[in-house]
C-alpha atoms as a PDB file:
ATOM      1  CA  UNK A   1       0.000   0.000   0.000  1.00  0.00           C
ATOM      2  CA  UNK A   2       1.808   3.080  -1.261  1.00  0.00           C
ATOM      3  CA  UNK A   3       1.878   6.150   0.982  1.00  0.00           C
ATOM      4  CA  UNK A   4       0.778   9.371  -0.746  1.00  0.00           C
ATOM      5  CA  UNK A   5       2.915  12.519  -0.684  1.00  0.00           C
ATOM      6  CA  UNK A   6       1.603  15.721   0.900  1.00  0.00           C
ATOM      7  CA  UNK A   7       1.259  17.460  -2.462  1.00  0.00           C
ATOM      8  CA  UNK A   8      -0.746  14.511  -3.787  1.00  0.00           C
ATOM      9  CA  UNK A   9      -3.138  14.791  -0.865  1.00  0.00           C
ATOM     10  CA  UNK A  10      -3.387  18.553  -1.408  1.00  0.00           C
ATOM     11  CA  UNK A  11      -4.174  18.010  -5.094  1.00  0.00           C
ATOM     12  CA  UNK A  12      -6.897  15.492  -4.232  1.00  0.00           C
ATOM     13  CA  UNK A  13      -8.380  17.895  -1.684  1.00  0.00           C
ATOM     14  CA  UNK A  14      -8.371  20.874  -4.076  1.00  0.00           C
ATOM     15  CA  UNK A  15     -10.002  18.769  -6.795  1.00  0.00           C
ATOM     16  CA  UNK A  16     -12.673  17.497  -4.398  1.00  0.00           C
ATOM     17  CA  UNK A  17     -13.579  20.954  -2.978  1.00  0.00           C
ATOM     18  CA  UNK A  18     -12.808  23.113  -6.008  1.00  0.00           C
ATOM     19  CA  UNK A  19     -16.354  24.537  -6.109  1.00  0.00           C
ATOM     20  CA  UNK A  20     -16.119  25.767  -2.493  1.00  0.00           C
ATOM     21  CA  UNK A  21     -12.656  27.208  -3.122  1.00  0.00           C
ATOM     22  CA  UNK A  22     -13.946  29.242  -6.086  1.00  0.00           C
ATOM     23  CA  UNK A  23     -16.982  30.636  -4.253  1.00  0.00           C
ATOM     24  CA  UNK A  24     -15.135  33.624  -2.635  1.00  0.00           C
ATOM     25  CA  UNK A  25     -13.964  34.691  -6.095  1.00  0.00           C
ATOM     26  CA  UNK A  26     -17.554  34.481  -7.338  1.00  0.00           C
ATOM     27  CA  UNK A  27     -18.785  36.580  -4.380  1.00  0.00           C
ATOM     28  CA  UNK A  28     -16.106  39.230  -4.959  1.00  0.00           C
ATOM     29  CA  UNK A  29     -17.074  39.406  -8.623  1.00  0.00           C
ATOM     30  CA  UNK A  30     -20.750  39.844  -7.733  1.00  0.00           C
ATOM     31  CA  UNK A  31     -20.023  42.551  -5.121  1.00  0.00           C
ATOM     32  CA  UNK A  32     -17.647  44.336  -7.488  1.00  0.00           C
ATOM     33  CA  UNK A  33     -20.183  44.282 -10.299  1.00  0.00           C
ATOM     34  CA  UNK A  34     -22.946  45.678  -8.056  1.00  0.00           C
ATOM     35  CA  UNK A  35     -20.684  48.451  -6.704  1.00  0.00           C
ATOM     36  CA  UNK A  36     -19.616  49.364 -10.246  1.00  0.00           C
ATOM     37  CA  UNK A  37     -23.184  49.564 -11.475  1.00  0.00           C
ATOM     38  CA  UNK A  38     -24.223  51.755  -8.556  1.00  0.00           C
ATOM     39  CA  UNK A  39     -21.044  53.819  -8.819  1.00  0.00           C
ATOM     40  CA  UNK A  40     -19.912  52.928  -5.304  1.00  0.00           C
ATOM     41  CA  UNK A  41     -16.363  52.976  -3.937  1.00  0.00           C
ATOM     42  CA  UNK A  42     -14.437  49.865  -5.008  1.00  0.00           C
ATOM     43  CA  UNK A  43     -11.917  50.145  -2.194  1.00  0.00           C
ATOM     44  CA  UNK A  44     -14.350  48.692   0.323  1.00  0.00           C
ATOM     45  CA  UNK A  45     -15.107  45.763  -1.963  1.00  0.00           C
ATOM     46  CA  UNK A  46     -11.417  45.009  -2.513  1.00  0.00           C
ATOM     47  CA  UNK A  47     -10.710  45.215   1.224  1.00  0.00           C
ATOM     48  CA  UNK A  48     -13.634  42.909   2.058  1.00  0.00           C
ATOM     49  CA  UNK A  49     -12.571  40.580  -0.733  1.00  0.00           C
ATOM     50  CA  UNK A  50      -9.019  40.368   0.573  1.00  0.00           C
ATOM     51  CA  UNK A  51     -10.286  39.578   4.074  1.00  0.00           C
ATOM     52  CA  UNK A  52     -12.588  36.901   2.640  1.00  0.00           C
ATOM     53  CA  UNK A  53      -9.715  35.314   0.714  1.00  0.00           C
ATOM     54  CA  UNK A  54      -7.496  35.267   3.796  1.00  0.00           C
ATOM     55  CA  UNK A  55     -10.261  33.815   5.921  1.00  0.00           C
ATOM     56  CA  UNK A  56     -11.041  31.189   3.284  1.00  0.00           C
ATOM     57  CA  UNK A  57      -7.360  30.274   3.005  1.00  0.00           C
ATOM     58  CA  UNK A  58      -7.131  29.852   6.781  1.00  0.00           C
ATOM     59  CA  UNK A  59     -10.243  27.695   6.914  1.00  0.00           C
ATOM     60  CA  UNK A  60      -9.002  25.593   3.996  1.00  0.00           C
ATOM     61  CA  UNK A  61      -5.573  25.131   5.611  1.00  0.00           C
ATOM     62  CA  UNK A  62      -7.201  23.871   8.821  1.00  0.00           C
ATOM     63  CA  UNK A  63      -9.543  21.680   6.789  1.00  0.00           C
ATOM     64  CA  UNK A  64      -6.643  20.192   4.803  1.00  0.00           C
ATOM     65  CA  UNK A  65      -4.716  19.444   8.029  1.00  0.00           C
ATOM     66  CA  UNK A  66      -7.733  17.739   9.591  1.00  0.00           C
ATOM     67  CA  UNK A  67      -8.426  15.867   6.331  1.00  0.00           C
ATOM     68  CA  UNK A  68      -4.825  14.604   6.136  1.00  0.00           C
ATOM     69  CA  UNK A  69      -4.970  13.464   9.757  1.00  0.00           C
ATOM     70  CA  UNK A  70      -8.246  11.601   9.218  1.00  0.00           C
ATOM     71  CA  UNK A  71      -6.956  10.158   5.949  1.00  0.00           C
ATOM     72  CA  UNK A  72      -3.856   8.803   7.684  1.00  0.00           C
ATOM     73  CA  UNK A  73      -5.998   7.259  10.394  1.00  0.00           C
ATOM     74  CA  UNK A  74      -8.277   5.624   7.831  1.00  0.00           C
ATOM     75  CA  UNK A  75      -5.276   4.224   5.952  1.00  0.00           C
ATOM     76  CA  UNK A  76      -3.998   2.653   9.186  1.00  0.00           C
ATOM     77  CA  UNK A  77      -7.415   1.129   9.831  1.00  0.00           C
ATOM     78  CA  UNK A  78      -7.498  -0.173   6.248  1.00  0.00           C
ATOM     79  CA  UNK A  79      -4.515  -2.434   6.974  1.00  0.00           C
ATOM     80  CA  UNK A  80      -6.611  -4.373   9.507  1.00  0.00           C
ATOM     81  CA  UNK A  81     -10.075  -3.755   8.068  1.00  0.00           C
ATOM     82  CA  UNK A  82     -10.497  -7.496   7.468  1.00  0.00           C
ATOM     83  CA  UNK A  83     -10.098  -8.129  11.206  1.00  0.00           C
ATOM     84  CA  UNK A  84     -12.094  -5.386  12.893  1.00  0.00           C
ATOM     85  CA  UNK A  85     -14.116  -2.279  12.082  1.00  0.00           C
ATOM     86  CA  UNK A  86     -14.239  -1.041  15.672  1.00  0.00           C
ATOM     87  CA  UNK A  87     -11.678   1.702  15.070  1.00  0.00           C
ATOM     88  CA  UNK A  88     -13.625   3.488  12.355  1.00  0.00           C
ATOM     89  CA  UNK A  89     -13.874   7.241  13.119  1.00  0.00           C
ATOM     90  CA  UNK A  90     -17.155   8.855  14.048  1.00  0.00           C
ATOM     91  CA  UNK A  91     -19.081   9.622  10.856  1.00  0.00           C
ATOM     92  CA  UNK A  92     -19.017  13.296   9.917  1.00  0.00           C
ATOM     93  CA  UNK A  93     -22.067  13.152   7.669  1.00  0.00           C
ATOM     94  CA  UNK A  94     -25.065  11.025   6.777  1.00  0.00           C
ATOM     95  CA  UNK A  95     -23.166   9.669   3.795  1.00  0.00           C
ATOM     96  CA  UNK A  96     -20.239   8.503   5.978  1.00  0.00           C
ATOM     97  CA  UNK A  97     -22.648   6.898   8.432  1.00  0.00           C
ATOM     98  CA  UNK A  98     -24.362   5.037   5.575  1.00  0.00           C
ATOM     99  CA  UNK A  99     -21.021   3.877   4.177  1.00  0.00           C
ATOM    100  CA  UNK A 100     -19.908   2.593   7.578  1.00  0.00           C
ATOM    101  CA  UNK A 101     -23.174   0.660   7.950  1.00  0.00           C
ATOM    102  CA  UNK A 102     -22.525  -0.875   4.526  1.00  0.00           C
ATOM    103  CA  UNK A 103     -18.996  -1.862   5.567  1.00  0.00           C
ATOM    104  CA  UNK A 104     -20.217  -3.513   8.765  1.00  0.00           C
ATOM    105  CA  UNK A 105     -22.876  -5.469   6.875  1.00  0.00           C
ATOM    106  CA  UNK A 106     -20.357  -6.602   4.243  1.00  0.00           C
ATOM    107  CA  UNK A 107     -17.889  -7.564   7.000  1.00  0.00           C
ATOM    108  CA  UNK A 108     -20.546  -9.677   8.732  1.00  0.00           C
ATOM    109  CA  UNK A 109     -21.402 -11.448   5.465  1.00  0.00           C
ATOM    110  CA  UNK A 110     -17.694 -11.973   4.726  1.00  0.00           C
ATOM    111  CA  UNK A 111     -17.079 -13.492   8.181  1.00  0.00           C
ATOM    112  CA  UNK A 112     -20.025 -15.814   7.735  1.00  0.00           C
ATOM    113  CA  UNK A 113     -18.843 -16.930   4.287  1.00  0.00           C
ATOM    114  CA  UNK A 114     -15.279 -17.393   5.593  1.00  0.00           C
ATOM    115  CA  UNK A 115     -16.415 -19.608   8.462  1.00  0.00           C
ATOM    116  CA  UNK A 116     -18.534 -21.673   6.055  1.00  0.00           C
ATOM    117  CA  UNK A 117     -15.584 -22.045   3.642  1.00  0.00           C
ATOM    118  CA  UNK A 118     -13.206 -23.022   6.457  1.00  0.00           C
ATOM    119  CA  UNK A 119     -15.631 -25.671   7.704  1.00  0.00           C
ATOM    120  CA  UNK A 120     -16.099 -27.085   4.210  1.00  0.00           C
ATOM    121  CA  UNK A 121     -12.342 -27.131   3.613  1.00  0.00           C
ATOM    122  CA  UNK A 122     -11.727 -28.838   6.938  1.00  0.00           C
ATOM    123  CA  UNK A 123     -14.301 -31.505   6.073  1.00  0.00           C
ATOM    124  CA  UNK A 124     -12.686 -31.984   2.664  1.00  0.00           C
ATOM    125  CA  UNK A 125      -9.259 -32.316   4.253  1.00  0.00           C
ATOM    126  CA  UNK A 126     -10.572 -34.876   6.728  1.00  0.00           C
ATOM    127  CA  UNK A 127     -12.234 -36.850   3.940  1.00  0.00           C
ATOM    128  CA  UNK A 128      -9.246 -36.878   1.574  1.00  0.00           C
ATOM    129  CA  UNK A 129      -6.812 -37.646   4.390  1.00  0.00           C
ATOM    130  CA  UNK A 130      -8.953 -40.627   5.408  1.00  0.00           C
ATOM    131  CA  UNK A 131      -9.328 -41.675   1.766  1.00  0.00           C
ATOM    132  CA  UNK A 132      -5.567 -41.564   1.161  1.00  0.00           C
ATOM    133  CA  UNK A 133      -4.836 -43.690   4.211  1.00  0.00           C
ATOM    134  CA  UNK A 134      -7.579 -46.162   3.239  1.00  0.00           C
ATOM    135  CA  UNK A 135      -6.455 -46.456  -0.391  1.00  0.00           C
ATOM    136  CA  UNK A 136      -2.888 -47.193   0.704  1.00  0.00           C
ATOM    137  CA  UNK A 137      -4.039 -50.520   2.162  1.00  0.00           C
ATOM    138  CA  UNK A 138      -5.274 -52.085  -1.103  1.00  0.00           C
ATOM    139  CA  UNK A 139      -2.261 -50.597  -2.912  1.00  0.00           C
ATOM    140  CA  UNK A 140       0.074 -52.328  -0.448  1.00  0.00           C
ATOM    141  CA  UNK A 141      -1.862 -55.598  -0.741  1.00  0.00           C
ATOM    142  CA  UNK A 142      -1.709 -55.499  -4.551  1.00  0.00           C
ATOM    143  CA  UNK A 143       2.018 -54.751  -4.350  1.00  0.00           C
ATOM    144  CA  UNK A 144       2.671 -57.779  -2.162  1.00  0.00           C
ATOM    145  CA  UNK A 145       0.561 -59.993  -4.434  1.00  0.00           C
ATOM    146  CA  UNK A 146       2.455 -58.842  -7.532  1.00  0.00           C
ATOM    147  CA  UNK A 147       5.826 -59.393  -5.833  1.00  0.00           C
ATOM    148  CA  UNK A 148       4.910 -63.034  -5.297  1.00  0.00           C
ATOM    149  CA  UNK A 149       5.819 -63.898  -8.903  1.00  0.00           C
ATOM    150  CA  UNK A 150       8.674 -62.210 -10.761  1.00  0.00           C
ATOM    151  CA  UNK A 151       7.344 -61.865 -14.304  1.00  0.00           C
ATOM    152  CA  UNK A 152       7.564 -59.040 -16.813  1.00  0.00           C
ATOM    153  CA  UNK A 153       3.829 -58.433 -16.553  1.00  0.00           C
ATOM    154  CA  UNK A 154       4.016 -58.186 -12.752  1.00  0.00           C
ATOM    155  CA  UNK A 155       6.964 -55.810 -12.971  1.00  0.00           C
ATOM    156  CA  UNK A 156       4.964 -53.561 -15.301  1.00  0.00           C
ATOM    157  CA  UNK A 157       1.983 -53.674 -12.968  1.00  0.00           C
ATOM    158  CA  UNK A 158       4.214 -52.845  -9.995  1.00  0.00           C
ATOM    159  CA  UNK A 159       5.587 -49.830 -11.870  1.00  0.00           C
ATOM    160  CA  UNK A 160       2.059 -48.584 -12.609  1.00  0.00           C
ATOM    161  CA  UNK A 161       1.049 -49.252  -9.002  1.00  0.00           C
ATOM    162  CA  UNK A 162       4.012 -47.164  -7.864  1.00  0.00           C
ATOM    163  CA  UNK A 163       2.799 -44.289 -10.046  1.00  0.00           C
ATOM    164  CA  UNK A 164      -0.692 -44.576  -8.544  1.00  0.00           C
ATOM    165  CA  UNK A 165       0.788 -44.336  -5.067  1.00  0.00           C
ATOM    166  CA  UNK A 166       2.761 -41.243  -6.118  1.00  0.00           C
ATOM    167  CA  UNK A 167      -0.333 -39.531  -7.490  1.00  0.00           C
ATOM    168  CA  UNK A 168      -2.274 -40.318  -4.323  1.00  0.00           C
ATOM    169  CA  UNK A 169       0.467 -38.763  -2.199  1.00  0.00           C
ATOM    170  CA  UNK A 170       0.629 -35.757  -4.538  1.00  0.00           C
ATOM    171  CA  UNK A 171      -3.106 -35.141  -4.096  1.00  0.00           C
ATOM    172  CA  UNK A 172      -2.772 -35.161  -0.314  1.00  0.00           C
ATOM    173  CA  UNK A 173       0.241 -32.849  -0.372  1.00  0.00           C
ATOM    174  CA  UNK A 174      -1.643 -30.483  -2.694  1.00  0.00           C
ATOM    175  CA  UNK A 175      -4.389 -30.157  -0.104  1.00  0.00           C
ATOM    176  CA  UNK A 176      -1.937 -29.757   2.758  1.00  0.00           C
ATOM    177  CA  UNK A 177      -0.012 -26.988   1.007  1.00  0.00           C
ATOM    178  CA  UNK A 178      -3.228 -25.050   0.536  1.00  0.00           C
ATOM    179  CA  UNK A 179      -4.074 -25.349   4.224  1.00  0.00           C
ATOM    180  CA  UNK A 180      -3.255 -22.666   6.803  1.00  0.00           C
ATOM    181  CA  UNK A 181      -2.195 -25.380   9.244  1.00  0.00           C
ATOM    182  CA  UNK A 182       0.519 -27.047   7.154  1.00  0.00           C
ATOM    183  CA  UNK A 183       2.668 -29.086   9.545  1.00  0.00           C
ATOM    184  CA  UNK A 184       6.099 -27.568   8.856  1.00  0.00           C
ATOM    185  CA  UNK A 185       8.752 -28.452  11.427  1.00  0.00           C
ATOM    186  CA  UNK A 186      12.061 -26.684  10.793  1.00  0.00           C
ATOM    187  CA  UNK A 187      15.182 -28.309  12.208  1.00  0.00           C
ATOM    188  CA  UNK A 188      18.705 -29.040  11.092  1.00  0.00           C
ATOM    189  CA  UNK A 189      18.841 -32.403   9.298  1.00  0.00           C
ATOM    190  CA  UNK A 190      21.544 -34.486   7.672  1.00  0.00           C
ATOM    191  CA  UNK A 191      20.929 -33.905   3.969  1.00  0.00           C
ATOM    192  CA  UNK A 192      22.489 -37.270   3.095  1.00  0.00           C
ATOM    193  CA  UNK A 193      19.840 -39.121   5.091  1.00  0.00           C
ATOM    194  CA  UNK A 194      16.989 -37.367   3.294  1.00  0.00           C
ATOM    195  CA  UNK A 195      18.523 -38.002  -0.129  1.00  0.00           C
ATOM    196  CA  UNK A 196      19.061 -41.687   0.644  1.00  0.00           C
ATOM    197  CA  UNK A 197      15.385 -42.076   1.600  1.00  0.00           C
ATOM    198  CA  UNK A 198      14.373 -40.814  -1.847  1.00  0.00           C
ATOM    199  CA  UNK A 199      16.958 -43.023  -3.581  1.00  0.00           C
ATOM    200  CA  UNK A 200      15.744 -46.142  -1.764  1.00  0.00           C
ATOM    201  CA  UNK A 201      12.155 -45.372  -2.765  1.00  0.00           C
ATOM    202  CA  UNK A 202      13.043 -44.966  -6.433  1.00  0.00           C
ATOM    203  CA  UNK A 203      15.651 -47.744  -6.593  1.00  0.00           C
ATOM    204  CA  UNK A 204      13.248 -50.234  -8.270  1.00  0.00           C
ATOM    205  CA  UNK A 205      12.429 -47.597 -10.900  1.00  0.00           C
ATOM    206  CA  UNK A 206      16.111 -47.007 -11.622  1.00  0.00           C
ATOM    207  CA  UNK A 207      16.686 -50.737 -11.989  1.00  0.00           C
ATOM    208  CA  UNK A 208      13.613 -51.316 -14.145  1.00  0.00           C
ATOM    209  CA  UNK A 209      14.461 -48.435 -16.500  1.00  0.00           C
ATOM    210  CA  UNK A 210      18.177 -49.332 -16.567  1.00  0.00           C
ATOM    211  CA  UNK A 211      19.149 -45.887 -15.329  1.00  0.00           C
ATOM    212  CA  UNK A 212      22.584 -45.460 -13.771  1.00  0.00           C
ATOM    213  CA  UNK A 213      22.678 -43.356 -10.625  1.00  0.00           C
ATOM    214  CA  UNK A 214      25.691 -41.332  -9.505  1.00  0.00           C
ATOM    215  CA  UNK A 215      25.700 -39.926  -5.988  1.00  0.00           C
ATOM    216  CA  UNK A 216      28.450 -38.988  -3.567  1.00  0.00           C
ATOM    217  CA  UNK A 217      27.388 -38.747   0.104  1.00  0.00           C
ATOM    218  CA  UNK A 218      26.849 -35.162   1.230  1.00  0.00           C
ATOM    219  CA  UNK A 219      28.412 -34.270   4.572  1.00  0.00           C
ATOM    220  CA  UNK A 220      26.179 -31.300   5.321  1.00  0.00           C
ATOM    221  CA  UNK A 221      23.366 -30.340   7.657  1.00  0.00           C
ATOM    222  CA  UNK A 222      20.572 -28.103   6.369  1.00  0.00           C
ATOM    223  CA  UNK A 223      17.789 -26.161   8.044  1.00  0.00           C
ATOM    224  CA  UNK A 224      14.566 -27.442   6.529  1.00  0.00           C
ATOM    225  CA  UNK A 225      11.499 -29.615   7.026  1.00  0.00           C
ATOM    226  CA  UNK A 226      12.475 -33.226   6.402  1.00  0.00           C
ATOM    227  CA  UNK A 227       9.125 -34.475   5.107  1.00  0.00           C
ATOM    228  CA  UNK A 228       8.561 -31.633   2.654  1.00  0.00           C
ATOM    229  CA  UNK A 229      12.168 -31.537   1.401  1.00  0.00           C
ATOM    230  CA  UNK A 230      11.912 -35.281   0.795  1.00  0.00           C
ATOM    231  CA  UNK A 231       8.752 -34.617  -1.206  1.00  0.00           C
ATOM    232  CA  UNK A 232      10.612 -32.149  -3.471  1.00  0.00           C
ATOM    233  CA  UNK A 233      13.543 -34.540  -4.016  1.00  0.00           C
ATOM    234  CA  UNK A 234      11.159 -37.411  -4.811  1.00  0.00           C
ATOM    235  CA  UNK A 235       9.325 -35.292  -7.376  1.00  0.00           C
ATOM    236  CA  UNK A 236      12.593 -34.301  -9.049  1.00  0.00           C
ATOM    237  CA  UNK A 237      13.745 -37.933  -9.114  1.00  0.00           C
ATOM    238  CA  UNK A 238      10.365 -38.919 -10.543  1.00  0.00           C
ATOM    239  CA  UNK A 239      10.896 -36.460 -13.384  1.00  0.00           C
ATOM    240  CA  UNK A 240      14.423 -37.759 -13.944  1.00  0.00           C
ATOM    241  CA  UNK A 241      13.226 -41.370 -14.134  1.00  0.00           C
ATOM    242  CA  UNK A 242      10.384 -40.390 -16.468  1.00  0.00           C
ATOM    243  CA  UNK A 243      12.515 -38.578 -19.028  1.00  0.00           C
ATOM    244  CA  UNK A 244      16.039 -40.030 -18.644  1.00  0.00           C
ATOM    245  CA  UNK A 245      15.339 -43.055 -20.832  1.00  0.00           C
ATOM    246  CA  UNK A 246      18.204 -45.508 -20.196  1.00  0.00           C
ATOM    247  CA  UNK A 247      20.661 -42.731 -19.399  1.00  0.00           C
ATOM    248  CA  UNK A 248      22.077 -41.521 -16.105  1.00  0.00           C
ATOM    249  CA  UNK A 249      20.932 -39.485 -13.117  1.00  0.00           C
ATOM    250  CA  UNK A 250      23.452 -37.573 -11.005  1.00  0.00           C
ATOM    251  CA  UNK A 251      22.828 -36.164  -7.541  1.00  0.00           C
ATOM    252  CA  UNK A 252      25.391 -33.705  -6.205  1.00  0.00           C
ATOM    253  CA  UNK A 253      25.682 -31.211  -3.362  1.00  0.00           C
ATOM    254  CA  UNK A 254      27.811 -28.096  -3.704  1.00  0.00           C
ATOM    255  CA  UNK A 255      27.794 -25.898  -0.635  1.00  0.00           C
ATOM    256  CA  UNK A 256      24.108 -25.743   0.241  1.00  0.00           C
ATOM    257  CA  UNK A 257      22.900 -26.276  -3.323  1.00  0.00           C
ATOM    258  CA  UNK A 258      21.492 -29.688  -4.238  1.00  0.00           C
ATOM    259  CA  UNK A 259      21.466 -30.564  -7.938  1.00  0.00           C
ATOM    260  CA  UNK A 260      19.696 -33.430  -9.684  1.00  0.00           C
ATOM    261  CA  UNK A 261      20.744 -33.929 -13.313  1.00  0.00           C
ATOM    262  CA  UNK A 262      19.625 -36.398 -15.950  1.00  0.00           C
ATOM    263  CA  UNK A 263      20.791 -37.174 -19.486  1.00  0.00           C
ATOM    264  CA  UNK A 264      17.267 -37.368 -20.872  1.00  0.00           C
ATOM    265  CA  UNK A 265      15.348 -35.560 -23.599  1.00  0.00           C
ATOM    266  CA  UNK A 266      15.705 -32.152 -21.966  1.00  0.00           C
ATOM    267  CA  UNK A 267      13.276 -29.242 -22.042  1.00  0.00           C
ATOM    268  CA  UNK A 268      12.588 -26.945 -24.981  1.00  0.00           C
ATOM    269  CA  UNK A 269      14.127 -23.533 -24.331  1.00  0.00           C
ATOM    270  CA  UNK A 270      10.810 -21.740 -24.768  1.00  0.00           C
ATOM    271  CA  UNK A 271       9.292 -23.989 -22.080  1.00  0.00           C
ATOM    272  CA  UNK A 272      11.981 -23.502 -19.413  1.00  0.00           C
ATOM    273  CA  UNK A 273      10.574 -20.233 -17.937  1.00  0.00           C
ATOM    274  CA  UNK A 274       7.138 -21.826 -17.489  1.00  0.00           C
ATOM    275  CA  UNK A 275       7.779 -25.361 -16.240  1.00  0.00           C
ATOM    276  CA  UNK A 276       6.989 -24.433 -12.621  1.00  0.00           C
ATOM    277  CA  UNK A 277       3.582 -23.042 -13.563  1.00  0.00           C
ATOM    278  CA  UNK A 278       0.467 -24.913 -12.520  1.00  0.00           C
ATOM    279  CA  UNK A 279      -0.745 -27.326 -15.190  1.00  0.00           C
ATOM    280  CA  UNK A 280       2.026 -26.505 -17.675  1.00  0.00           C
ATOM    281  CA  UNK A 281       3.421 -29.624 -19.388  1.00  0.00           C
ATOM    282  CA  UNK A 282       5.479 -28.186 -22.234  1.00  0.00           C
ATOM    283  CA  UNK A 283       6.208 -29.801 -25.588  1.00  0.00           C
ATOM    284  CA  UNK A 284       8.000 -32.879 -24.212  1.00  0.00           C
ATOM    285  CA  UNK A 285       5.369 -33.411 -21.546  1.00  0.00           C
ATOM    286  CA  UNK A 286       2.588 -33.378 -24.133  1.00  0.00           C
ATOM    287  CA  UNK A 287       4.534 -35.714 -26.418  1.00  0.00           C
ATOM    288  CA  UNK A 288       5.168 -38.125 -23.555  1.00  0.00           C
ATOM    289  CA  UNK A 289       1.461 -38.178 -22.548  1.00  0.00           C
ATOM    290  CA  UNK A 290       2.456 -38.854 -18.899  1.00  0.00           C
ATOM    291  CA  UNK A 291       2.942 -35.355 -17.529  1.00  0.00           C
ATOM    292  CA  UNK A 292       0.224 -33.812 -15.344  1.00  0.00           C
ATOM    293  CA  UNK A 293       1.840 -30.394 -14.976  1.00  0.00           C
ATOM    294  CA  UNK A 294       1.446 -30.532 -11.183  1.00  0.00           C
ATOM    295  CA  UNK A 295       4.656 -32.157  -9.914  1.00  0.00           C
ATOM    296  CA  UNK A 296       7.035 -29.254 -10.607  1.00  0.00           C
ATOM    297  CA  UNK A 297       4.390 -26.729  -9.603  1.00  0.00           C
ATOM    298  CA  UNK A 298       4.100 -28.423  -6.215  1.00  0.00           C
ATOM    299  CA  UNK A 299       7.910 -28.454  -5.970  1.00  0.00           C
ATOM    300  CA  UNK A 300       8.050 -24.683  -6.439  1.00  0.00           C
ATOM    301  CA  UNK A 301       5.144 -24.144  -4.052  1.00  0.00           C
ATOM    302  CA  UNK A 302       6.805 -26.297  -1.397  1.00  0.00           C
ATOM    303  CA  UNK A 303      10.216 -24.691  -1.941  1.00  0.00           C
ATOM    304  CA  UNK A 304       8.656 -21.247  -1.473  1.00  0.00           C
ATOM    305  CA  UNK A 305       7.074 -22.372   1.798  1.00  0.00           C
ATOM    306  CA  UNK A 306      10.456 -23.695   2.953  1.00  0.00           C
ATOM    307  CA  UNK A 307      12.237 -20.512   1.797  1.00  0.00           C
ATOM    308  CA  UNK A 308      14.348 -22.592  -0.573  1.00  0.00           C
ATOM    309  CA  UNK A 309      15.003 -21.592  -4.182  1.00  0.00           C
ATOM    310  CA  UNK A 310      14.453 -23.977  -7.063  1.00  0.00           C
ATOM    311  CA  UNK A 311      15.731 -23.409 -10.599  1.00  0.00           C
ATOM    312  CA  UNK A 312      16.462 -25.390 -13.753  1.00  0.00           C
ATOM    313  CA  UNK A 313      18.872 -25.544 -16.654  1.00  0.00           C
ATOM    314  CA  UNK A 314      18.222 -27.720 -19.677  1.00  0.00           C
ATOM    315  CA  UNK A 315      19.492 -28.455 -23.169  1.00  0.00           C
ATOM    316  CA  UNK A 316      17.118 -30.305 -25.514  1.00  0.00           C
ATOM    317  CA  UNK A 317      18.481 -33.737 -26.353  1.00  0.00           C
ATOM    318  CA  UNK A 318      21.201 -33.578 -23.697  1.00  0.00           C
ATOM    319  CA  UNK A 319      19.440 -33.445 -20.349  1.00  0.00           C
ATOM    320  CA  UNK A 320      18.113 -31.327 -17.497  1.00  0.00           C
ATOM    321  CA  UNK A 321      19.535 -30.166 -14.176  1.00  0.00           C
ATOM    322  CA  UNK A 322      17.413 -28.938 -11.292  1.00  0.00           C
ATOM    323  CA  UNK A 323      19.034 -26.847  -8.568  1.00  0.00           C
ATOM    324  CA  UNK A 324      17.664 -26.512  -5.053  1.00  0.00           C
ATOM    325  CA  UNK A 325      19.280 -23.797  -2.914  1.00  0.00           C
ATOM    326  CA  UNK A 326      18.777 -24.915   0.695  1.00  0.00           C
ATOM    327  CA  UNK A 327      20.289 -21.871   2.410  1.00  0.00           C
ATOM    328  CA  UNK A 328      18.184 -20.453   5.260  1.00  0.00           C
ATOM    329  CA  UNK A 329      18.747 -18.151   8.209  1.00  0.00           C
ATOM    330  CA  UNK A 330      20.172 -20.229  11.062  1.00  0.00           C
ATOM    331  CA  UNK A 331      18.217 -18.163  13.609  1.00  0.00           C
ATOM    332  CA  UNK A 332      15.055 -20.080  12.633  1.00  0.00           C
ATOM    333  CA  UNK A 333      16.155 -23.369  14.210  1.00  0.00           C
ATOM    334  CA  UNK A 334      13.583 -24.605  16.720  1.00  0.00           C
END
């Protein structure tokens, strides 16, 4: 909210009350015309006119000062108008009183709609959370049944089942990120441990797709939320597995910057600035028919919540590298 300069406020005031400001000049013209027609002394008119101008200027100066003071007070109230309207100044006219009544009525309707929306969202969160936990049971059962016989068909089904599980988790995380009560817990964690969790989860996918993985253990502690950072790394590994073909994936840590690179199909240069947008799949994503356009968007959303920075470099036909800057202020440790 930009603060106006004094001359801007003065200009607004003059424009608003220009008719009242011009009235003394109109009165002086009328008096002067009457005195001229009746052949009266003009000196008295000029003297009275000068006094009127001075008096008007004084009244206007006081009015401008009071107006600026009230304007500043209203601007301060505006910052918290969504919370309370109790600090509104006493109305100076019927119009102001009517406007304040309108504001209070709108505020009451807004509060009612907000409470209704919060209740509906809470019910939705409860339902989807329960649904996710319930659906994980049959997914686990199907996984164990498919692992009972090592055939190519079962391996394909296991891969598709893994994708289903990923999409289910993505849906739940989408809802959690949109909630005001997201369960972020910031502590210092061993980055190597978080990375290894993601690698273990995606190990069957690396083996199935014949993707070579290069990773050197990272001896570094980072200030983050373990669960949500793991979610970002898993999404980036999912992208690498999806587009790397039978190439390689490299995970490296330089300073506090984590990079995940693949030797896959890459990203078209015109698509790079938009890949973190919601629903954007890009040329390669549309050609592949597997991209939802939500994974990288959720990565950026999560990184923003964690105060991490995510970026990408890519060359079509050569591969893609995602960078995750994990630097945070150490004063935020719990």
